[in-house]
C-alpha atoms as a PDB file:
ATOM      1  CA  MET A   1       0.000   0.000   0.000  1.00  0.00           C
ATOM      2  CA  PHE A   2       1.283   3.460  -0.875  1.00  0.00           C
ATOM      3  CA  LYS A   3       2.115   5.880   1.916  1.00  0.00           C
ATOM      4  CA  TYR A   4       0.923   9.448   1.513  1.00  0.00           C
ATOM      5  CA  PRO A   5       1.862  12.129   0.728  1.00  0.00           C
ATOM      6  CA  ARG A   6       3.466  10.349  -2.203  1.00  0.00           C
ATOM      7  CA  LYS A   7       6.102  11.932  -4.397  1.00  0.00           C
ATOM      8  CA  ILE A   8       5.906  11.497  -8.152  1.00  0.00           C
ATOM      9  CA  PRO A   9       7.531   8.143  -8.981  1.00  0.00           C
ATOM     10  CA  LEU A  10      10.951   8.459 -10.628  1.00  0.00           C
ATOM     11  CA  PHE A  11       9.702   6.106 -13.332  1.00  0.00           C
ATOM     12  CA  TYR A  12       7.201   8.735 -14.497  1.00  0.00           C
ATOM     13  CA  LYS A  13       9.918  11.388 -14.737  1.00  0.00           C
ATOM     14  CA  ILE A  14      12.010   9.079 -16.912  1.00  0.00           C
ATOM     15  CA  LEU A  15       9.048   8.017 -19.071  1.00  0.00           C
ATOM     16  CA  LEU A  16       7.716  11.570 -19.517  1.00  0.00           C
ATOM     17  CA  PRO A  17      10.677  13.967 -19.276  1.00  0.00           C
ATOM     18  CA  SER A  18       8.695  16.871 -20.750  1.00  0.00           C
ATOM     19  CA  ALA A  19       5.940  16.617 -18.115  1.00  0.00           C
ATOM     20  CA  ILE A  20       6.022  19.262 -15.399  1.00  0.00           C
ATOM     21  CA  THR A  21       6.363  17.898 -11.858  1.00  0.00           C
ATOM     22  CA  LYS A  22       7.446  21.079 -10.087  1.00  0.00           C
ATOM     23  CA  MET A  23       7.229  24.785 -10.873  1.00  0.00           C
ATOM     24  CA  GLN A  24      10.394  26.868 -10.984  1.00  0.00           C
ATOM     25  CA  VAL A  25       9.772  29.848  -8.700  1.00  0.00           C
ATOM     26  CA  GLU A  26      11.867  32.100  -6.502  1.00  0.00           C
ATOM     27  CA  GLU A  27       9.035  33.175  -4.178  1.00  0.00           C
ATOM     28  CA  LYS A  28       7.161  31.053  -1.633  1.00  0.00           C
ATOM     29  CA  LYS A  29       4.444  29.678  -3.903  1.00  0.00           C
ATOM     30  CA  ILE A  30       2.484  26.425  -3.874  1.00  0.00           C
ATOM     31  CA  PHE A  31       0.421  25.166  -6.809  1.00  0.00           C
ATOM     32  CA  LEU A  32      -2.782  23.467  -5.693  1.00  0.00           C
ATOM     33  CA  SER A  33      -4.666  21.318  -8.178  1.00  0.00           C
ATOM     34  CA  PHE A  34      -7.920  19.393  -7.962  1.00  0.00           C
ATOM     35  CA  ASP A  35      -8.711  16.437 -10.212  1.00  0.00           C
ATOM     36  CA  ASP A  36     -11.928  14.813 -11.463  1.00  0.00           C
ATOM     37  CA  GLY A  37     -14.523  17.582 -11.039  1.00  0.00           C
ATOM     38  CA  PRO A  38     -16.370  19.756 -11.234  1.00  0.00           C
ATOM     39  CA  HIS A  39     -18.806  18.487  -8.616  1.00  0.00           C
ATOM     40  CA  PRO A  40     -22.030  20.389  -7.800  1.00  0.00           C
ATOM     41  CA  GLU A  41     -21.451  20.449  -4.013  1.00  0.00           C
ATOM     42  CA  ILE A  42     -17.769  19.715  -3.428  1.00  0.00           C
ATOM     43  CA  THR A  43     -16.285  22.180  -5.920  1.00  0.00           C
ATOM     44  CA  PRO A  44     -18.217  25.188  -4.524  1.00  0.00           C
ATOM     45  CA  TRP A  45     -17.059  24.187  -1.030  1.00  0.00           C
ATOM     46  CA  ILE A  46     -13.449  24.158  -2.261  1.00  0.00           C
ATOM     47  CA  LEU A  47     -13.904  27.565  -3.879  1.00  0.00           C
ATOM     48  CA  LYS A  48     -15.163  29.030  -0.593  1.00  0.00           C
ATOM     49  CA  GLU A  49     -12.149  27.634   1.268  1.00  0.00           C
ATOM     50  CA  LEU A  50      -9.766  29.057  -1.338  1.00  0.00           C
ATOM     51  CA  ASP A  51     -11.486  32.455  -1.134  1.00  0.00           C
ATOM     52  CA  LYS A  52     -10.649  32.716   2.568  1.00  0.00           C
ATOM     53  CA  TYR A  53      -6.940  32.910   1.694  1.00  0.00           C
ATOM     54  CA  GLN A  54      -7.157  34.568  -1.741  1.00  0.00           C
ATOM     55  CA  ALA A  55      -5.732  31.280  -3.004  1.00  0.00           C
ATOM     56  CA  LYS A  56      -5.787  30.332  -6.672  1.00  0.00           C
ATOM     57  CA  ALA A  57      -5.819  26.780  -8.018  1.00  0.00           C
ATOM     58  CA  THR A  58      -6.108  24.678 -11.154  1.00  0.00           C
ATOM     59  CA  PHE A  59      -9.018  22.273 -11.619  1.00  0.00           C
ATOM     60  CA  PHE A  60      -8.294  19.359 -13.959  1.00  0.00           C
ATOM     61  CA  CYS A  61     -11.801  18.449 -15.076  1.00  0.00           C
ATOM     62  CA  THR A  62     -13.289  15.555 -16.973  1.00  0.00           C
ATOM     63  CA  GLY A  63     -15.350  16.444 -20.006  1.00  0.00           C
ATOM     64  CA  LYS A  64     -18.246  14.394 -18.680  1.00  0.00           C
ATOM     65  CA  ASN A  65     -18.477  16.546 -15.558  1.00  0.00           C
ATOM     66  CA  LEU A  66     -17.856  19.748 -17.493  1.00  0.00           C
ATOM     67  CA  SER A  67     -20.804  19.006 -19.752  1.00  0.00           C
ATOM     68  CA  GLU A  68     -23.046  18.173 -16.809  1.00  0.00           C
ATOM     69  CA  TYR A  69     -21.953  20.976 -14.475  1.00  0.00           C
ATOM     70  CA  SER A  70     -20.856  23.767 -16.804  1.00  0.00           C
ATOM     71  CA  ASN A  71     -22.280  26.321 -14.368  1.00  0.00           C
ATOM     72  CA  ILE A  72     -19.771  25.159 -11.725  1.00  0.00           C
ATOM     73  CA  ALA A  73     -16.961  25.311 -14.275  1.00  0.00           C
ATOM     74  CA  ARG A  74     -17.936  28.904 -15.058  1.00  0.00           C
ATOM     75  CA  LEU A  75     -17.857  29.666 -11.333  1.00  0.00           C
ATOM     76  CA  ILE A  76     -14.296  28.324 -11.204  1.00  0.00           C
ATOM     77  CA  ILE A  77     -13.281  30.822 -13.897  1.00  0.00           C
ATOM     78  CA  LEU A  78     -15.307  33.642 -12.312  1.00  0.00           C
ATOM     79  CA  LYS A  79     -13.374  33.120  -9.076  1.00  0.00           C
ATOM     80  CA  GLY A  80     -10.067  33.538 -10.915  1.00  0.00           C
ATOM     81  CA  HIS A  81      -9.014  29.900 -11.060  1.00  0.00           C
ATOM     82  CA  GLN A  82      -8.045  27.760 -14.025  1.00  0.00           C
ATOM     83  CA  LEU A  83      -9.533  24.811 -15.909  1.00  0.00           C
ATOM     84  CA  GLY A  84      -7.331  21.951 -17.044  1.00  0.00           C
ATOM     85  CA  ASN A  85      -8.039  18.890 -19.156  1.00  0.00           C
ATOM     86  CA  HIS A  86      -8.371  15.444 -17.522  1.00  0.00           C
ATOM     87  CA  THR A  87      -9.861  13.526 -20.504  1.00  0.00           C
ATOM     88  CA  PHE A  88     -13.587  13.120 -21.093  1.00  0.00           C
ATOM     89  CA  ALA A  89     -14.332  10.077 -18.944  1.00  0.00           C
ATOM     90  CA  HIS A  90     -11.123   9.576 -16.915  1.00  0.00           C
ATOM     91  CA  GLU A  91      -9.669   7.186 -19.481  1.00  0.00           C
ATOM     92  CA  ASN A  92      -6.499   5.248 -18.742  1.00  0.00           C
ATOM     93  CA  ALA A  93      -4.005   5.948 -21.540  1.00  0.00           C
ATOM     94  CA  TRP A  94      -2.353   2.566 -21.036  1.00  0.00           C
ATOM     95  CA  GLN A  95      -5.662   0.800 -21.712  1.00  0.00           C
ATOM     96  CA  THR A  96      -7.074   3.028 -24.493  1.00  0.00           C
ATOM     97  CA  SER A  97      -6.083   3.356 -28.135  1.00  0.00           C
ATOM     98  CA  ARG A  98      -4.092   6.492 -28.950  1.00  0.00           C
ATOM     99  CA  GLU A  99      -6.752   7.675 -31.368  1.00  0.00           C
ATOM    100  CA  LEU A 100      -9.577   7.354 -28.835  1.00  0.00           C
ATOM    101  CA  PHE A 101      -7.478   8.895 -26.066  1.00  0.00           C
ATOM    102  CA  ILE A 102      -6.599  11.988 -28.107  1.00  0.00           C
ATOM    103  CA  ARG A 103     -10.211  12.275 -29.235  1.00  0.00           C
ATOM    104  CA  SER A 104     -11.276  12.260 -25.580  1.00  0.00           C
ATOM    105  CA  ILE A 105      -8.833  15.071 -24.764  1.00  0.00           C
ATOM    106  CA  GLU A 106      -9.858  17.198 -27.735  1.00  0.00           C
ATOM    107  CA  LYS A 107     -13.554  16.750 -26.948  1.00  0.00           C
ATOM    108  CA  THR A 108     -12.867  17.942 -23.407  1.00  0.00           C
ATOM    109  CA  GLN A 109     -10.741  20.867 -24.583  1.00  0.00           C
ATOM    110  CA  SER A 110     -13.585  22.016 -26.812  1.00  0.00           C
ATOM    111  CA  LEU A 111     -15.832  22.163 -23.733  1.00  0.00           C
ATOM    112  CA  ILE A 112     -13.168  24.078 -21.806  1.00  0.00           C
ATOM    113  CA  ASN A 113     -12.783  26.564 -24.659  1.00  0.00           C
ATOM    114  CA  ASP A 114     -16.540  27.116 -24.748  1.00  0.00           C
ATOM    115  CA  ILE A 115     -16.437  28.036 -21.050  1.00  0.00           C
ATOM    116  CA  ASN A 116     -13.246  30.083 -21.243  1.00  0.00           C
ATOM    117  CA  SER A 117     -12.165  31.246 -24.694  1.00  0.00           C
ATOM    118  CA  SER A 118      -8.681  32.167 -23.401  1.00  0.00           C
ATOM    119  CA  ALA A 119      -8.066  28.822 -21.683  1.00  0.00           C
ATOM    120  CA  LYS A 120      -4.583  27.369 -21.721  1.00  0.00           C
ATOM    121  CA  TYR A 121      -4.016  23.898 -23.160  1.00  0.00           C
ATOM    122  CA  ILE A 122      -2.973  22.102 -20.004  1.00  0.00           C
ATOM    123  CA  PHE A 123      -3.452  18.399 -19.421  1.00  0.00           C
ATOM    124  CA  ARG A 124      -3.061  15.897 -16.595  1.00  0.00           C
ATOM    125  CA  PRO A 125      -3.410  12.232 -17.542  1.00  0.00           C
ATOM    126  CA  PRO A 126      -5.637  10.177 -15.236  1.00  0.00           C
ATOM    127  CA  TYR A 127      -3.485   8.051 -12.881  1.00  0.00           C
ATOM    128  CA  GLY A 128      -0.470   9.908 -14.300  1.00  0.00           C
ATOM    129  CA  LYS A 129      -0.391   7.304 -17.076  1.00  0.00           C
ATOM    130  CA  LEU A 130       0.751   8.392 -20.510  1.00  0.00           C
ATOM    131  CA  SER A 131       3.093   7.021 -23.169  1.00  0.00           C
ATOM    132  CA  PRO A 132       6.038   8.994 -24.586  1.00  0.00           C
ATOM    133  CA  ILE A 133       4.410   8.855 -28.041  1.00  0.00           C
ATOM    134  CA  LEU A 134       1.162  10.332 -26.715  1.00  0.00           C
ATOM    135  CA  ALA A 135       3.112  12.992 -24.815  1.00  0.00           C
ATOM    136  CA  LEU A 136       4.862  13.977 -28.055  1.00  0.00           C
ATOM    137  CA  LYS A 137       1.591  14.079 -29.998  1.00  0.00           C
ATOM    138  CA  LEU A 138      -0.019  16.269 -27.339  1.00  0.00           C
ATOM    139  CA  SER A 139       2.995  18.571 -27.248  1.00  0.00           C
ATOM    140  CA  LYS A 140       2.699  19.070 -31.015  1.00  0.00           C
ATOM    141  CA  LYS A 141      -0.943  20.036 -30.482  1.00  0.00           C
ATOM    142  CA  GLY A 142       0.126  22.700 -27.978  1.00  0.00           C
ATOM    143  CA  TYR A 143      -0.623  20.957 -24.688  1.00  0.00           C
ATOM    144  CA  LYS A 144       1.541  21.219 -21.579  1.00  0.00           C
ATOM    145  CA  ILE A 145       1.439  18.115 -19.391  1.00  0.00           C
ATOM    146  CA  TYR A 146       1.311  18.605 -15.630  1.00  0.00           C
ATOM    147  CA  LEU A 147       1.902  15.779 -13.186  1.00  0.00           C
ATOM    148  CA  TRP A 148       2.619  16.529  -9.540  1.00  0.00           C
ATOM    149  CA  THR A 149       5.179  16.851  -6.773  1.00  0.00           C
ATOM    150  CA  LEU A 150       3.039  15.462  -3.933  1.00  0.00           C
ATOM    151  CA  MET A 151      -0.077  13.296  -4.145  1.00  0.00           C
ATOM    152  CA  LEU A 152      -1.904  13.549  -0.806  1.00  0.00           C
ATOM    153  CA  GLY A 153      -4.094  10.464  -1.252  1.00  0.00           C
ATOM    154  CA  ASP A 154      -7.369  12.058  -0.183  1.00  0.00           C
ATOM    155  CA  PHE A 155      -9.190   9.459  -2.317  1.00  0.00           C
ATOM    156  CA  ASN A 156      -7.916   6.661  -0.055  1.00  0.00           C
ATOM    157  CA  ALA A 157     -10.323   5.952   2.826  1.00  0.00           C
ATOM    158  CA  LYS A 158      -7.555   4.204   4.779  1.00  0.00           C
ATOM    159  CA  ILE A 159      -5.311   7.236   5.231  1.00  0.00           C
ATOM    160  CA  LYS A 160      -5.151   9.185   8.470  1.00  0.00           C
ATOM    161  CA  SER A 161      -5.744  12.719   7.280  1.00  0.00           C
ATOM    162  CA  ASN A 162      -3.945  14.333  10.230  1.00  0.00           C
ATOM    163  CA  VAL A 163      -0.836  12.221   9.583  1.00  0.00           C
ATOM    164  CA  VAL A 164      -0.887  13.058   5.860  1.00  0.00           C
ATOM    165  CA  LEU A 165      -1.328  16.749   6.655  1.00  0.00           C
ATOM    166  CA  ASN A 166       1.573  16.821   9.128  1.00  0.00           C
ATOM    167  CA  LYS A 167       3.906  14.987   6.753  1.00  0.00           C
ATOM    168  CA  THR A 168       2.896  17.277   3.890  1.00  0.00           C
ATOM    169  CA  ILE A 169       3.681  20.394   5.928  1.00  0.00           C
ATOM    170  CA  LYS A 170       7.142  18.996   6.702  1.00  0.00           C
ATOM    171  CA  LYS A 171       7.914  17.971   3.112  1.00  0.00           C
ATOM    172  CA  ILE A 172       6.468  20.851   1.130  1.00  0.00           C
ATOM    173  CA  LYS A 173       8.726  23.313  -0.696  1.00  0.00           C
ATOM    174  CA  SER A 174       8.234  26.330  -2.940  1.00  0.00           C
ATOM    175  CA  GLY A 175       7.129  25.375  -6.420  1.00  0.00           C
ATOM    176  CA  ASP A 176       5.541  22.102  -5.354  1.00  0.00           C
ATOM    177  CA  ILE A 177       2.452  20.898  -7.227  1.00  0.00           C
ATOM    178  CA  ILE A 178      -0.140  19.367  -4.898  1.00  0.00           C
ATOM    179  CA  VAL A 179      -2.887  17.012  -6.085  1.00  0.00           C
ATOM    180  CA  LEU A 180      -6.234  16.790  -4.320  1.00  0.00           C
ATOM    181  CA  HIS A 181      -9.622  15.723  -5.691  1.00  0.00           C
ATOM    182  CA  ASP A 182     -13.118  17.173  -5.954  1.00  0.00           C
ATOM    183  CA  ASN A 183     -14.986  13.886  -6.028  1.00  0.00           C
ATOM    184  CA  GLU A 184     -17.226  12.125  -3.536  1.00  0.00           C
ATOM    185  CA  LYS A 185     -14.834   9.423  -2.373  1.00  0.00           C
ATOM    186  CA  SER A 186     -12.242  12.067  -1.441  1.00  0.00           C
ATOM    187  CA  PHE A 187     -14.500  14.549   0.317  1.00  0.00           C
ATOM    188  CA  GLU A 188     -14.260  13.240   3.896  1.00  0.00           C
ATOM    189  CA  ASN A 189     -10.475  13.480   3.830  1.00  0.00           C
ATOM    190  CA  LEU A 190     -10.502  16.701   1.826  1.00  0.00           C
ATOM    191  CA  LYS A 191     -12.693  18.432   4.433  1.00  0.00           C
ATOM    192  CA  LYS A 192     -10.038  17.696   7.048  1.00  0.00           C
ATOM    193  CA  ILE A 193      -6.940  18.368   4.949  1.00  0.00           C
ATOM    194  CA  LEU A 194      -7.659  21.432   2.796  1.00  0.00           C
ATOM    195  CA  PRO A 195      -8.670  24.034   5.443  1.00  0.00           C
ATOM    196  CA  GLU A 196      -5.683  23.162   7.638  1.00  0.00           C
ATOM    197  CA  LEU A 197      -3.287  23.066   4.698  1.00  0.00           C
ATOM    198  CA  LEU A 198      -4.388  26.521   3.561  1.00  0.00           C
ATOM    199  CA  GLU A 199      -4.258  27.984   7.063  1.00  0.00           C
ATOM    200  CA  ILE A 200      -0.863  26.567   8.080  1.00  0.00           C
ATOM    201  CA  LEU A 201       0.936  27.276   4.810  1.00  0.00           C
ATOM    202  CA  SER A 202      -0.532  30.790   4.608  1.00  0.00           C
ATOM    203  CA  ARG A 203       0.786  31.429   8.098  1.00  0.00           C
ATOM    204  CA  LYS A 204       4.198  30.251   6.923  1.00  0.00           C
ATOM    205  CA  GLY A 205       4.149  32.876   4.173  1.00  0.00           C
ATOM    206  CA  TYR A 206       3.200  30.731   1.172  1.00  0.00           C
ATOM    207  CA  ARG A 207       0.917  31.931  -1.606  1.00  0.00           C
ATOM    208  CA  PHE A 208      -1.245  29.628  -3.706  1.00  0.00           C
ATOM    209  CA  GLU A 209      -1.167  30.086  -7.472  1.00  0.00           C
ATOM    210  CA  LYS A 210      -2.612  28.530 -10.609  1.00  0.00           C
ATOM    211  CA  PHE A 211      -0.403  27.342 -13.467  1.00  0.00           C
END
């Protein structure tokens, strides 16, 4: 069983050298990201928590949820945050044909562009799984691929959220990319982790930025 927070596996860095796993910054900045939404109740709760600290974040959304909850996606943009692409239906690139996988991404990007005409082409593969060939194809289409520095494991019901939080605070450094989730199976842990993470790191002088 994985222990959390979990750093990006070295294997992924070797497989996908062009993927971004940490931001190069000189100031005390953390880059929060939320995968799998938007969700009609959880995402607005996250937005309210972020507002308390003037924190900005990136939401890597599935096209399925974007099409169903476009009003929440528009709220994300209205609040000054960013939409990213997480495929249409959370497809696994290692189990999907290249053609279908790219089609899923482009379908999702079209939805993102309809919501925000100035949206960046940023992509996070579900499970972090992507082939070098797909990464090259996406790069040629103008996408930047973002992985993560620390995965907090909020989706895992077996974690102890206070332990994960304490370890995260000790490990975190400027430029780190943090992955959390706005989905139902993560919400119990997220409710315990996110408010404390924002409060403690803000007190330590960190700012939260989007990509």
